[in-house]
């Protein structure tokens, strides 16, 4: 009875159920329900309709309290949504690439360009690359030019100013240093079906990338 009452009194639930079942564009809501960062119709509606001045043209789910700059320079993998948690700042001026199944906590900052120290009107760009199966802890900051290999765990509040391309490690501190090695044989490389890069089915993503992205 309680579930029936919830269904009848929640217009977003009713609308979402009908739309995701009968409109192909919204199939991603149903098909990504087992992702770690699963989304629902109300989340999409807030980003794409209500929050029309901010993050509307970002091709992956972004929280209304997060900010994404230059999404055309950002390549996100499967189930990897920078900014889906609140308070994040993702700046893609110099290019950002994030691998499949990388999880990003609230208040994370990723920047790929800094102001020139002699002329703050200019930006010095440097691409950021984050591998697959990484985990960026709450409040950490990834600075321009940083490269993190697969299975890199960044501790909460860390400031990452140099690269750890070998991955399979835990880093933390200010500036971040390696504090633990991970046993590679214990790191699980799973895959989920079906595959989606943000709101876009992976089978169609290369075409989208060619037409709309610069990375």
N, C-alpha and C. Protein backbone atom coordinates (compact mmCIF):
# COMPACT_ATOMS: atom_id res chain seq x y z
N UNK A 1 0.82 -1.20 0.00
CA UNK A 1 0.00 0.00 0.00
C UNK A 1 0.86 1.26 0.00
N UNK A 2 1.92 1.24 0.78
CA UNK A 2 2.81 2.40 0.85
C UNK A 2 3.47 2.66 -0.50
N UNK A 3 3.89 1.60 -1.21
CA UNK A 3 4.51 1.76 -2.52
C UNK A 3 3.51 2.31 -3.53
N UNK A 4 2.26 1.83 -3.46
CA UNK A 4 1.22 2.32 -4.36
C UNK A 4 0.95 3.79 -4.11
N UNK A 5 0.89 4.19 -2.86
CA UNK A 5 0.66 5.58 -2.51
C UNK A 5 1.80 6.46 -3.02
N UNK A 6 3.05 5.99 -2.88
CA UNK A 6 4.21 6.74 -3.38
C UNK A 6 4.11 6.91 -4.89
N UNK A 7 3.73 5.84 -5.58
CA UNK A 7 3.61 5.88 -7.04
C UNK A 7 2.56 6.89 -7.48
N UNK A 8 1.42 6.94 -6.80
CA UNK A 8 0.32 7.80 -7.19
C UNK A 8 0.58 9.27 -6.85
N UNK A 9 1.32 9.53 -5.78
CA UNK A 9 1.51 10.89 -5.31
C UNK A 9 2.78 11.54 -5.81
N UNK A 10 3.63 10.80 -6.50
CA UNK A 10 4.90 11.35 -6.98
C UNK A 10 4.84 11.52 -8.50
N UNK A 11 4.59 12.74 -8.98
CA UNK A 11 4.45 12.94 -10.43
C UNK A 11 5.72 12.63 -11.21
N UNK A 12 6.91 12.91 -10.62
CA UNK A 12 8.15 12.61 -11.30
C UNK A 12 8.31 11.11 -11.52
N UNK A 13 7.89 10.33 -10.53
CA UNK A 13 8.00 8.87 -10.64
C UNK A 13 7.10 8.36 -11.76
N UNK A 14 5.86 8.87 -11.79
CA UNK A 14 4.92 8.45 -12.83
C UNK A 14 5.43 8.86 -14.21
N UNK A 15 5.84 10.12 -14.33
CA UNK A 15 6.34 10.62 -15.61
C UNK A 15 7.58 9.84 -16.05
N UNK A 16 8.48 9.62 -15.10
CA UNK A 16 9.70 8.89 -15.41
C UNK A 16 9.43 7.47 -15.85
N UNK A 17 8.49 6.82 -15.20
CA UNK A 17 8.15 5.44 -15.56
C UNK A 17 7.61 5.36 -16.98
N UNK A 18 6.70 6.27 -17.32
CA UNK A 18 6.11 6.26 -18.65
C UNK A 18 7.14 6.61 -19.72
N UNK A 19 7.92 7.65 -19.46
CA UNK A 19 8.89 8.12 -20.46
C UNK A 19 9.98 7.09 -20.70
N UNK A 20 10.55 6.52 -19.64
CA UNK A 20 11.65 5.58 -19.82
C UNK A 20 11.19 4.28 -20.45
N UNK A 21 9.93 3.98 -20.35
CA UNK A 21 9.42 2.74 -20.93
C UNK A 21 9.07 2.89 -22.41
N UNK A 22 8.60 4.09 -22.80
CA UNK A 22 8.06 4.22 -24.15
C UNK A 22 8.83 5.16 -25.08
N UNK A 23 9.78 5.95 -24.56
CA UNK A 23 10.53 6.86 -25.41
C UNK A 23 11.98 6.41 -25.47
N UNK A 24 12.48 6.02 -26.64
CA UNK A 24 13.84 5.46 -26.76
C UNK A 24 14.93 6.35 -26.21
N UNK A 25 14.81 7.68 -26.36
CA UNK A 25 15.87 8.59 -25.90
C UNK A 25 16.17 8.40 -24.42
N UNK A 26 15.16 8.06 -23.64
CA UNK A 26 15.32 7.97 -22.19
C UNK A 26 15.64 6.57 -21.70
N UNK A 27 15.95 5.66 -22.60
CA UNK A 27 16.24 4.28 -22.18
C UNK A 27 17.47 4.21 -21.27
N UNK A 28 18.34 5.22 -21.33
CA UNK A 28 19.55 5.20 -20.51
C UNK A 28 19.19 5.16 -19.02
N UNK A 29 18.06 5.72 -18.64
CA UNK A 29 17.66 5.72 -17.23
C UNK A 29 17.42 4.30 -16.74
N UNK A 30 16.73 3.52 -17.56
CA UNK A 30 16.47 2.13 -17.20
C UNK A 30 17.72 1.27 -17.32
N UNK A 31 18.48 1.49 -18.39
CA UNK A 31 19.60 0.60 -18.68
C UNK A 31 20.82 0.85 -17.79
N UNK A 32 20.90 2.02 -17.17
CA UNK A 32 22.04 2.30 -16.29
C UNK A 32 21.67 2.19 -14.82
N UNK A 33 20.56 1.55 -14.52
CA UNK A 33 20.08 1.49 -13.13
C UNK A 33 21.01 0.70 -12.22
N UNK A 34 21.88 -0.14 -12.80
CA UNK A 34 22.82 -0.92 -11.99
C UNK A 34 24.19 -0.26 -11.89
N UNK A 35 24.35 0.90 -12.50
CA UNK A 35 25.61 1.62 -12.38
C UNK A 35 25.77 2.17 -10.97
N UNK A 36 27.03 2.37 -10.55
CA UNK A 36 27.25 2.98 -9.25
C UNK A 36 26.66 4.38 -9.19
N UNK A 37 26.73 5.09 -10.32
CA UNK A 37 26.15 6.43 -10.41
C UNK A 37 24.88 6.37 -11.25
N UNK A 38 23.92 5.60 -10.82
CA UNK A 38 22.66 5.51 -11.56
C UNK A 38 21.89 6.82 -11.43
N UNK A 39 21.09 7.13 -12.43
CA UNK A 39 20.34 8.38 -12.44
C UNK A 39 18.87 8.09 -12.67
N UNK A 40 18.03 9.07 -12.41
CA UNK A 40 16.60 8.92 -12.64
C UNK A 40 16.09 10.11 -13.46
N UNK A 41 14.81 10.05 -13.79
CA UNK A 41 14.25 11.09 -14.65
C UNK A 41 14.30 12.46 -13.99
N UNK A 42 14.04 12.54 -12.70
CA UNK A 42 14.03 13.84 -12.03
C UNK A 42 15.41 14.49 -12.07
N UNK A 43 16.47 13.67 -11.97
CA UNK A 43 17.84 14.21 -12.07
C UNK A 43 18.05 14.80 -13.45
N UNK A 44 17.71 14.06 -14.51
CA UNK A 44 17.83 14.55 -15.87
C UNK A 44 17.01 15.82 -16.07
N UNK A 45 15.79 15.85 -15.56
CA UNK A 45 14.89 17.00 -15.74
C UNK A 45 15.47 18.25 -15.09
N UNK A 46 16.05 18.11 -13.91
CA UNK A 46 16.64 19.27 -13.23
C UNK A 46 17.84 19.80 -14.01
N UNK A 47 18.63 18.90 -14.58
CA UNK A 47 19.83 19.34 -15.32
C UNK A 47 19.47 19.93 -16.68
N UNK A 48 18.63 19.25 -17.42
CA UNK A 48 18.40 19.62 -18.81
C UNK A 48 17.27 20.63 -19.02
N UNK A 49 16.36 20.74 -18.06
CA UNK A 49 15.22 21.62 -18.23
C UNK A 49 15.22 22.76 -17.21
N UNK A 50 15.20 22.43 -15.94
CA UNK A 50 15.09 23.46 -14.91
C UNK A 50 16.38 24.28 -14.80
N UNK A 51 17.51 23.60 -14.90
CA UNK A 51 18.80 24.27 -14.71
C UNK A 51 19.39 24.68 -16.06
N UNK A 52 18.56 25.37 -16.86
CA UNK A 52 18.91 25.57 -18.27
C UNK A 52 20.12 26.47 -18.50
N UNK A 53 20.51 27.29 -17.53
CA UNK A 53 21.65 28.18 -17.72
C UNK A 53 22.98 27.56 -17.29
N UNK A 54 22.93 26.38 -16.72
CA UNK A 54 24.13 25.78 -16.17
C UNK A 54 24.13 24.27 -16.41
N UNK A 55 25.17 23.78 -17.04
CA UNK A 55 25.38 22.33 -17.25
C UNK A 55 24.34 21.70 -18.19
N UNK A 56 23.53 22.50 -18.84
CA UNK A 56 22.49 21.92 -19.69
C UNK A 56 23.08 21.14 -20.86
N UNK A 57 24.19 21.62 -21.41
CA UNK A 57 24.76 21.00 -22.60
C UNK A 57 25.85 19.97 -22.28
N UNK A 58 26.01 19.64 -21.02
CA UNK A 58 26.95 18.60 -20.63
C UNK A 58 26.32 17.24 -20.93
N UNK A 59 27.09 16.35 -21.53
CA UNK A 59 26.51 15.09 -22.02
C UNK A 59 26.47 13.98 -20.98
N UNK A 60 26.82 14.29 -19.76
CA UNK A 60 26.72 13.31 -18.68
C UNK A 60 25.99 13.96 -17.50
N UNK A 61 25.53 13.17 -16.52
CA UNK A 61 24.77 13.72 -15.39
C UNK A 61 25.64 14.60 -14.51
N UNK A 62 25.14 15.81 -14.20
CA UNK A 62 25.85 16.75 -13.35
C UNK A 62 24.89 17.32 -12.32
N UNK A 63 25.32 17.33 -11.08
CA UNK A 63 24.53 17.88 -9.98
C UNK A 63 24.34 19.39 -10.17
N UNK A 64 23.22 19.90 -9.73
CA UNK A 64 22.93 21.33 -9.90
C UNK A 64 23.88 22.21 -9.11
N UNK A 65 24.56 21.67 -8.11
CA UNK A 65 25.51 22.46 -7.31
C UNK A 65 26.94 22.35 -7.83
N UNK A 66 27.14 21.55 -8.87
CA UNK A 66 28.47 21.41 -9.48
C UNK A 66 28.55 22.27 -10.74
N UNK A 67 29.79 22.55 -11.16
CA UNK A 67 30.01 23.38 -12.34
C UNK A 67 30.97 22.67 -13.29
N UNK A 68 30.61 22.62 -14.57
CA UNK A 68 31.47 22.05 -15.60
C UNK A 68 31.77 23.14 -16.62
N UNK A 69 33.05 23.38 -16.87
CA UNK A 69 33.50 24.38 -17.82
C UNK A 69 34.12 23.68 -19.03
N UNK A 70 33.73 24.06 -20.22
CA UNK A 70 34.25 23.50 -21.48
C UNK A 70 34.05 21.98 -21.57
N UNK A 71 32.80 21.51 -21.49
CA UNK A 71 32.56 20.06 -21.58
C UNK A 71 32.97 19.46 -22.91
N UNK A 72 33.10 20.31 -23.95
CA UNK A 72 33.52 19.79 -25.26
C UNK A 72 34.97 19.32 -25.24
N UNK A 73 35.71 19.69 -24.19
CA UNK A 73 37.10 19.25 -24.04
C UNK A 73 37.25 18.12 -23.03
N UNK A 74 36.14 17.54 -22.62
CA UNK A 74 36.16 16.51 -21.57
C UNK A 74 35.62 15.19 -22.12
N UNK A 75 36.41 14.14 -21.96
CA UNK A 75 36.02 12.81 -22.41
C UNK A 75 35.79 11.93 -21.19
N UNK A 76 34.55 11.49 -21.00
CA UNK A 76 34.24 10.66 -19.84
C UNK A 76 33.94 9.23 -20.28
N UNK A 77 34.40 8.28 -19.48
CA UNK A 77 34.18 6.88 -19.77
C UNK A 77 32.84 6.38 -19.27
N UNK A 78 32.70 5.09 -19.26
CA UNK A 78 31.46 4.44 -18.83
C UNK A 78 31.33 4.53 -17.32
N UNK A 79 30.14 4.93 -16.86
CA UNK A 79 29.86 5.07 -15.42
C UNK A 79 30.91 5.93 -14.74
N UNK A 80 31.28 7.03 -15.39
CA UNK A 80 32.27 7.96 -14.83
C UNK A 80 31.73 9.37 -15.05
N UNK A 81 31.17 9.97 -14.01
CA UNK A 81 30.45 11.23 -14.16
C UNK A 81 31.03 12.30 -13.25
N UNK A 82 32.04 13.04 -13.68
CA UNK A 82 32.57 14.11 -12.84
C UNK A 82 31.53 15.20 -12.61
N UNK A 83 31.22 15.45 -11.35
CA UNK A 83 30.24 16.47 -11.02
C UNK A 83 28.86 15.94 -10.71
N UNK A 84 28.65 14.61 -10.79
CA UNK A 84 27.34 14.07 -10.44
C UNK A 84 27.08 14.25 -8.95
N UNK A 85 28.14 14.29 -8.16
CA UNK A 85 28.02 14.60 -6.75
C UNK A 85 28.12 16.12 -6.57
N UNK A 86 27.61 16.63 -5.49
CA UNK A 86 27.50 18.07 -5.29
C UNK A 86 28.82 18.77 -5.04
N UNK A 87 28.87 20.04 -5.43
CA UNK A 87 29.99 20.92 -5.08
C UNK A 87 31.25 20.74 -5.88
N UNK A 88 31.21 20.04 -7.00
CA UNK A 88 32.42 19.81 -7.80
C UNK A 88 32.65 20.96 -8.78
N UNK A 89 33.92 21.15 -9.15
CA UNK A 89 34.29 22.12 -10.18
C UNK A 89 35.19 21.41 -11.17
N UNK A 90 34.71 21.26 -12.39
CA UNK A 90 35.42 20.52 -13.43
C UNK A 90 35.70 21.48 -14.58
N UNK A 91 36.98 21.81 -14.78
CA UNK A 91 37.36 22.82 -15.77
C UNK A 91 38.18 22.18 -16.87
N UNK A 92 37.61 22.14 -18.08
CA UNK A 92 38.22 21.38 -19.16
C UNK A 92 38.93 22.19 -20.22
N UNK A 93 39.39 23.38 -19.90
CA UNK A 93 40.02 24.23 -20.91
C UNK A 93 41.19 23.54 -21.61
N UNK A 94 42.00 22.82 -20.85
CA UNK A 94 43.17 22.16 -21.43
C UNK A 94 42.93 20.71 -21.80
N UNK A 95 41.73 20.21 -21.57
CA UNK A 95 41.40 18.83 -21.89
C UNK A 95 41.44 17.92 -20.68
N UNK A 96 40.42 17.12 -20.52
CA UNK A 96 40.34 16.14 -19.43
C UNK A 96 39.86 14.82 -20.01
N UNK A 97 40.50 13.74 -19.61
CA UNK A 97 40.06 12.41 -20.01
C UNK A 97 39.92 11.55 -18.76
N UNK A 98 38.75 10.95 -18.57
CA UNK A 98 38.47 10.14 -17.39
C UNK A 98 38.04 8.76 -17.84
N UNK A 99 38.71 7.73 -17.34
CA UNK A 99 38.47 6.36 -17.77
C UNK A 99 37.20 5.75 -17.20
N UNK A 100 36.87 4.57 -17.73
CA UNK A 100 35.66 3.85 -17.33
C UNK A 100 35.65 3.54 -15.84
N UNK A 101 34.45 3.64 -15.25
CA UNK A 101 34.17 3.19 -13.89
C UNK A 101 34.97 3.93 -12.82
N UNK A 102 35.41 5.13 -13.14
CA UNK A 102 36.08 5.97 -12.14
C UNK A 102 35.03 6.75 -11.37
N UNK A 103 35.13 6.70 -10.05
CA UNK A 103 34.15 7.32 -9.17
C UNK A 103 34.69 8.61 -8.59
N UNK A 104 33.84 9.64 -8.56
CA UNK A 104 34.27 10.97 -8.14
C UNK A 104 33.33 11.48 -7.06
N UNK A 105 33.87 11.75 -5.89
CA UNK A 105 33.10 12.13 -4.71
C UNK A 105 32.70 13.61 -4.75
N UNK A 106 31.95 14.10 -3.75
CA UNK A 106 31.56 15.50 -3.71
C UNK A 106 32.75 16.44 -3.52
N UNK A 107 32.56 17.68 -3.99
CA UNK A 107 33.52 18.78 -3.78
C UNK A 107 34.89 18.53 -4.40
N UNK A 108 34.95 17.68 -5.40
CA UNK A 108 36.21 17.43 -6.10
C UNK A 108 36.45 18.53 -7.13
N UNK A 109 37.71 18.95 -7.26
CA UNK A 109 38.10 19.95 -8.24
C UNK A 109 39.08 19.31 -9.23
N UNK A 110 38.79 19.44 -10.52
CA UNK A 110 39.70 18.99 -11.57
C UNK A 110 39.89 20.16 -12.53
N UNK A 111 41.12 20.66 -12.63
CA UNK A 111 41.38 21.80 -13.51
C UNK A 111 42.49 21.45 -14.49
N UNK A 112 42.31 21.85 -15.74
CA UNK A 112 43.29 21.53 -16.78
C UNK A 112 43.94 22.80 -17.35
N UNK A 113 43.78 23.92 -16.65
CA UNK A 113 44.45 25.16 -17.05
C UNK A 113 44.55 26.07 -15.83
N UNK A 114 45.66 26.78 -15.72
CA UNK A 114 45.87 27.76 -14.66
C UNK A 114 46.18 29.12 -15.27
N UNK A 115 46.01 30.16 -14.47
CA UNK A 115 46.37 31.50 -14.94
C UNK A 115 47.89 31.60 -15.08
N UNK A 116 48.32 32.29 -16.11
CA UNK A 116 49.74 32.60 -16.29
C UNK A 116 50.20 33.47 -15.13
N UNK A 117 51.34 33.13 -14.53
CA UNK A 117 51.78 33.86 -13.34
C UNK A 117 52.20 35.29 -13.65
N UNK A 118 52.50 35.57 -14.91
CA UNK A 118 52.92 36.93 -15.30
C UNK A 118 51.77 37.73 -15.93
N UNK A 119 50.74 37.03 -16.38
CA UNK A 119 49.60 37.70 -16.99
C UNK A 119 48.36 36.88 -16.70
N UNK A 120 47.62 37.28 -15.68
CA UNK A 120 46.48 36.48 -15.23
C UNK A 120 45.34 36.44 -16.25
N UNK A 121 45.44 37.24 -17.31
CA UNK A 121 44.42 37.19 -18.36
C UNK A 121 44.59 35.95 -19.24
N UNK A 122 45.77 35.36 -19.20
CA UNK A 122 46.07 34.20 -20.04
C UNK A 122 45.98 32.90 -19.22
N UNK A 123 45.72 31.82 -19.92
CA UNK A 123 45.69 30.50 -19.30
C UNK A 123 46.83 29.63 -19.84
N UNK A 124 47.42 28.87 -18.95
CA UNK A 124 48.41 27.86 -19.33
C UNK A 124 47.70 26.51 -19.25
N UNK A 125 47.50 25.90 -20.39
CA UNK A 125 46.71 24.67 -20.45
C UNK A 125 47.59 23.42 -20.37
N UNK A 126 47.08 22.40 -19.70
CA UNK A 126 47.79 21.12 -19.59
C UNK A 126 46.76 20.02 -19.33
N UNK A 127 46.71 19.05 -20.20
CA UNK A 127 45.68 18.02 -20.14
C UNK A 127 45.79 17.18 -18.87
N UNK A 128 44.64 16.82 -18.32
CA UNK A 128 44.54 15.91 -17.18
C UNK A 128 44.02 14.57 -17.66
N UNK A 129 44.69 13.49 -17.26
CA UNK A 129 44.27 12.14 -17.64
C UNK A 129 44.10 11.30 -16.39
N UNK A 130 42.92 10.74 -16.22
CA UNK A 130 42.61 9.88 -15.07
C UNK A 130 42.19 8.53 -15.61
N UNK A 131 42.82 7.48 -15.14
CA UNK A 131 42.60 6.15 -15.68
C UNK A 131 41.28 5.52 -15.30
N UNK A 132 41.19 4.24 -15.57
CA UNK A 132 39.99 3.46 -15.25
C UNK A 132 40.01 3.00 -13.80
N UNK A 133 38.83 2.80 -13.25
CA UNK A 133 38.64 2.22 -11.92
C UNK A 133 39.33 3.04 -10.82
N UNK A 134 39.42 4.34 -11.04
CA UNK A 134 40.00 5.20 -10.01
C UNK A 134 38.91 5.65 -9.04
N UNK A 135 39.32 6.26 -7.95
CA UNK A 135 38.39 6.77 -6.95
C UNK A 135 38.97 8.06 -6.40
N UNK A 136 38.28 9.16 -6.67
CA UNK A 136 38.73 10.47 -6.21
C UNK A 136 37.92 10.84 -4.97
N UNK A 137 38.59 10.90 -3.82
CA UNK A 137 37.92 11.15 -2.56
C UNK A 137 37.41 12.58 -2.41
N UNK A 138 36.50 12.77 -1.47
CA UNK A 138 35.83 14.05 -1.27
C UNK A 138 36.82 15.20 -1.07
N UNK A 139 36.59 16.27 -1.81
CA UNK A 139 37.37 17.49 -1.62
C UNK A 139 38.77 17.47 -2.18
N UNK A 140 39.15 16.43 -2.91
CA UNK A 140 40.51 16.41 -3.47
C UNK A 140 40.58 17.32 -4.69
N UNK A 141 41.79 17.70 -5.05
CA UNK A 141 42.01 18.62 -6.16
C UNK A 141 43.06 18.04 -7.11
N UNK A 142 42.71 17.96 -8.37
CA UNK A 142 43.60 17.45 -9.41
C UNK A 142 44.05 18.63 -10.26
N UNK A 143 45.34 18.91 -10.27
CA UNK A 143 45.88 20.09 -10.93
C UNK A 143 46.24 19.81 -12.40
N UNK A 144 46.44 20.87 -13.20
CA UNK A 144 46.74 20.71 -14.62
C UNK A 144 47.97 19.84 -14.88
N UNK A 145 47.88 19.02 -15.94
CA UNK A 145 49.00 18.19 -16.36
C UNK A 145 49.13 16.88 -15.63
N UNK A 146 48.28 16.61 -14.66
CA UNK A 146 48.39 15.38 -13.87
C UNK A 146 47.85 14.19 -14.65
N UNK A 147 48.56 13.07 -14.52
CA UNK A 147 48.12 11.81 -15.11
C UNK A 147 48.09 10.75 -14.02
N UNK A 148 46.94 10.09 -13.85
CA UNK A 148 46.78 9.04 -12.85
C UNK A 148 46.46 7.74 -13.56
N UNK A 149 47.21 6.69 -13.25
CA UNK A 149 46.97 5.40 -13.86
C UNK A 149 45.75 4.70 -13.29
N UNK A 150 45.40 3.57 -13.88
CA UNK A 150 44.25 2.78 -13.43
C UNK A 150 44.39 2.42 -11.95
N UNK A 151 43.25 2.35 -11.28
CA UNK A 151 43.18 1.95 -9.87
C UNK A 151 43.99 2.88 -8.96
N UNK A 152 43.90 4.17 -9.24
CA UNK A 152 44.49 5.15 -8.32
C UNK A 152 43.40 5.66 -7.39
N UNK A 153 43.66 5.60 -6.11
CA UNK A 153 42.73 6.12 -5.10
C UNK A 153 43.33 7.40 -4.54
N UNK A 154 42.57 8.49 -4.65
CA UNK A 154 43.04 9.78 -4.14
C UNK A 154 42.31 10.07 -2.83
N UNK A 155 43.06 10.24 -1.76
CA UNK A 155 42.48 10.48 -0.45
C UNK A 155 41.72 11.79 -0.38
N UNK A 156 40.75 11.85 0.52
CA UNK A 156 39.95 13.06 0.71
C UNK A 156 40.84 14.25 1.05
N UNK A 157 40.59 15.36 0.39
CA UNK A 157 41.33 16.59 0.67
C UNK A 157 42.70 16.69 0.06
N UNK A 158 43.14 15.67 -0.66
CA UNK A 158 44.48 15.69 -1.25
C UNK A 158 44.57 16.72 -2.37
N UNK A 159 45.77 17.26 -2.56
CA UNK A 159 46.04 18.16 -3.68
C UNK A 159 47.09 17.48 -4.55
N UNK A 160 46.67 17.05 -5.75
CA UNK A 160 47.54 16.26 -6.62
C UNK A 160 48.20 17.20 -7.63
N UNK A 161 49.50 17.39 -7.47
CA UNK A 161 50.25 18.31 -8.34
C UNK A 161 51.20 17.59 -9.27
N UNK A 162 51.41 16.28 -9.08
CA UNK A 162 52.28 15.52 -9.97
C UNK A 162 51.60 14.21 -10.36
N UNK A 163 52.13 13.57 -11.37
CA UNK A 163 51.49 12.39 -11.94
C UNK A 163 51.89 11.11 -11.21
N UNK A 164 50.97 10.14 -11.25
CA UNK A 164 51.22 8.78 -10.76
C UNK A 164 50.72 7.83 -11.85
N UNK A 165 51.40 7.81 -12.98
CA UNK A 165 50.90 7.08 -14.16
C UNK A 165 50.87 5.57 -13.99
N UNK A 166 51.63 5.05 -13.03
CA UNK A 166 51.66 3.59 -12.84
C UNK A 166 50.38 3.08 -12.19
N UNK A 167 49.64 3.95 -11.49
CA UNK A 167 48.39 3.55 -10.86
C UNK A 167 48.57 2.52 -9.76
N UNK A 168 47.47 1.80 -9.45
CA UNK A 168 47.48 0.75 -8.44
C UNK A 168 48.09 1.24 -7.13
N UNK A 169 47.57 2.38 -6.66
CA UNK A 169 48.12 2.95 -5.43
C UNK A 169 47.10 3.86 -4.76
N UNK A 170 47.38 4.18 -3.51
CA UNK A 170 46.61 5.18 -2.76
C UNK A 170 47.52 6.37 -2.56
N UNK A 171 47.04 7.56 -2.91
CA UNK A 171 47.82 8.76 -2.72
C UNK A 171 47.03 9.72 -1.82
N UNK A 172 47.75 10.56 -1.10
CA UNK A 172 47.07 11.50 -0.22
C UNK A 172 48.03 12.56 0.28
N UNK A 173 47.45 13.63 0.86
CA UNK A 173 48.26 14.69 1.44
C UNK A 173 48.34 15.91 0.56
N UNK A 174 49.05 16.93 1.06
CA UNK A 174 49.23 18.20 0.35
C UNK A 174 50.71 18.56 0.34
N UNK A 175 51.41 18.44 -0.78
CA UNK A 175 50.93 17.83 -2.03
C UNK A 175 50.83 16.32 -1.89
N UNK A 176 50.07 15.70 -2.77
CA UNK A 176 49.82 14.26 -2.65
C UNK A 176 51.08 13.43 -2.86
N UNK A 177 51.22 12.42 -2.03
CA UNK A 177 52.31 11.45 -2.12
C UNK A 177 51.73 10.04 -2.08
N UNK A 178 52.49 9.10 -2.57
CA UNK A 178 52.04 7.71 -2.53
C UNK A 178 52.12 7.19 -1.10
N UNK A 179 51.01 6.68 -0.58
CA UNK A 179 50.99 6.18 0.80
C UNK A 179 50.72 4.68 0.89
N UNK A 180 50.32 4.08 -0.24
CA UNK A 180 50.08 2.63 -0.22
C UNK A 180 50.08 2.08 -1.64
N UNK A 181 50.68 0.90 -1.80
CA UNK A 181 50.61 0.19 -3.08
C UNK A 181 49.43 -0.77 -3.03
N UNK A 182 48.74 -0.92 -4.16
CA UNK A 182 47.67 -1.90 -4.26
C UNK A 182 48.19 -3.16 -4.96
N UNK A 183 47.74 -4.31 -4.51
CA UNK A 183 48.12 -5.57 -5.13
C UNK A 183 47.35 -5.72 -6.44
N UNK A 184 48.06 -5.71 -7.55
CA UNK A 184 47.42 -5.71 -8.86
C UNK A 184 46.49 -6.91 -9.07
N UNK A 185 46.90 -8.06 -8.54
CA UNK A 185 46.09 -9.26 -8.77
C UNK A 185 44.75 -9.21 -8.04
N UNK A 186 44.61 -8.30 -7.09
CA UNK A 186 43.35 -8.16 -6.36
C UNK A 186 42.44 -7.10 -6.97
N UNK A 187 42.94 -6.33 -7.91
CA UNK A 187 42.15 -5.25 -8.52
C UNK A 187 41.27 -5.85 -9.62
N UNK A 188 39.97 -5.68 -9.49
CA UNK A 188 39.00 -6.32 -10.37
C UNK A 188 38.61 -5.38 -11.51
N UNK A 189 38.81 -5.83 -12.74
CA UNK A 189 38.42 -5.06 -13.93
C UNK A 189 37.07 -5.59 -14.43
N UNK A 190 36.02 -5.06 -13.86
CA UNK A 190 34.67 -5.49 -14.23
C UNK A 190 34.15 -4.64 -15.39
N UNK A 191 33.10 -5.12 -16.02
CA UNK A 191 32.40 -4.36 -17.06
C UNK A 191 30.90 -4.52 -16.85
N UNK A 192 30.17 -3.47 -17.18
CA UNK A 192 28.72 -3.48 -17.06
C UNK A 192 28.08 -3.44 -18.44
N UNK A 193 26.93 -4.08 -18.55
CA UNK A 193 26.15 -4.05 -19.78
C UNK A 193 24.75 -3.53 -19.47
N UNK A 194 24.20 -2.70 -20.34
CA UNK A 194 24.82 -2.10 -21.51
C UNK A 194 25.75 -0.97 -21.12
N UNK A 195 26.52 -0.47 -22.07
CA UNK A 195 27.53 0.55 -21.80
C UNK A 195 27.04 1.92 -22.25
N UNK A 196 27.20 2.89 -21.36
CA UNK A 196 26.81 4.28 -21.65
C UNK A 196 27.92 5.22 -21.24
N UNK A 197 28.25 6.16 -22.12
CA UNK A 197 29.12 7.28 -21.78
C UNK A 197 28.21 8.46 -21.45
N UNK A 198 27.96 8.67 -20.20
CA UNK A 198 26.99 9.68 -19.81
C UNK A 198 25.60 9.28 -20.27
N UNK A 199 24.92 10.19 -20.95
CA UNK A 199 23.57 9.92 -21.44
C UNK A 199 23.58 9.19 -22.78
N UNK A 200 24.75 8.91 -23.31
CA UNK A 200 24.87 8.41 -24.69
C UNK A 200 25.32 6.95 -24.70
N UNK A 201 24.62 6.12 -25.43
CA UNK A 201 25.03 4.72 -25.58
C UNK A 201 26.41 4.66 -26.22
N UNK A 202 27.26 3.79 -25.68
CA UNK A 202 28.64 3.72 -26.16
C UNK A 202 28.73 3.37 -27.65
N UNK A 203 27.73 2.66 -28.15
CA UNK A 203 27.72 2.32 -29.58
C UNK A 203 27.55 3.56 -30.46
N UNK A 204 27.03 4.64 -29.88
CA UNK A 204 26.81 5.88 -30.63
C UNK A 204 27.77 6.98 -30.20
N UNK A 205 28.63 6.67 -29.24
CA UNK A 205 29.44 7.73 -28.65
C UNK A 205 30.53 8.24 -29.59
N UNK A 206 31.14 7.37 -30.37
CA UNK A 206 32.19 7.81 -31.27
C UNK A 206 31.67 8.83 -32.29
N UNK A 207 30.45 8.62 -32.75
CA UNK A 207 29.85 9.58 -33.67
C UNK A 207 29.60 10.92 -32.97
N UNK A 208 29.12 10.84 -31.73
CA UNK A 208 28.90 12.06 -30.95
C UNK A 208 30.23 12.78 -30.71
N UNK A 209 31.24 12.01 -30.35
CA UNK A 209 32.56 12.58 -30.09
C UNK A 209 33.10 13.30 -31.33
N UNK A 210 32.96 12.70 -32.48
CA UNK A 210 33.47 13.27 -33.72
C UNK A 210 32.76 14.58 -34.05
N UNK A 211 31.47 14.64 -33.76
CA UNK A 211 30.68 15.80 -34.14
C UNK A 211 30.72 16.95 -33.12
N UNK A 212 30.87 16.61 -31.83
CA UNK A 212 30.67 17.63 -30.81
C UNK A 212 31.85 17.85 -29.86
N UNK A 213 32.78 16.91 -29.78
CA UNK A 213 33.87 17.06 -28.82
C UNK A 213 35.17 17.42 -29.53
N UNK A 214 36.09 17.97 -28.76
CA UNK A 214 37.40 18.37 -29.29
C UNK A 214 38.50 17.45 -28.76
N UNK A 215 38.14 16.39 -28.06
CA UNK A 215 39.12 15.46 -27.50
C UNK A 215 38.90 14.06 -28.08
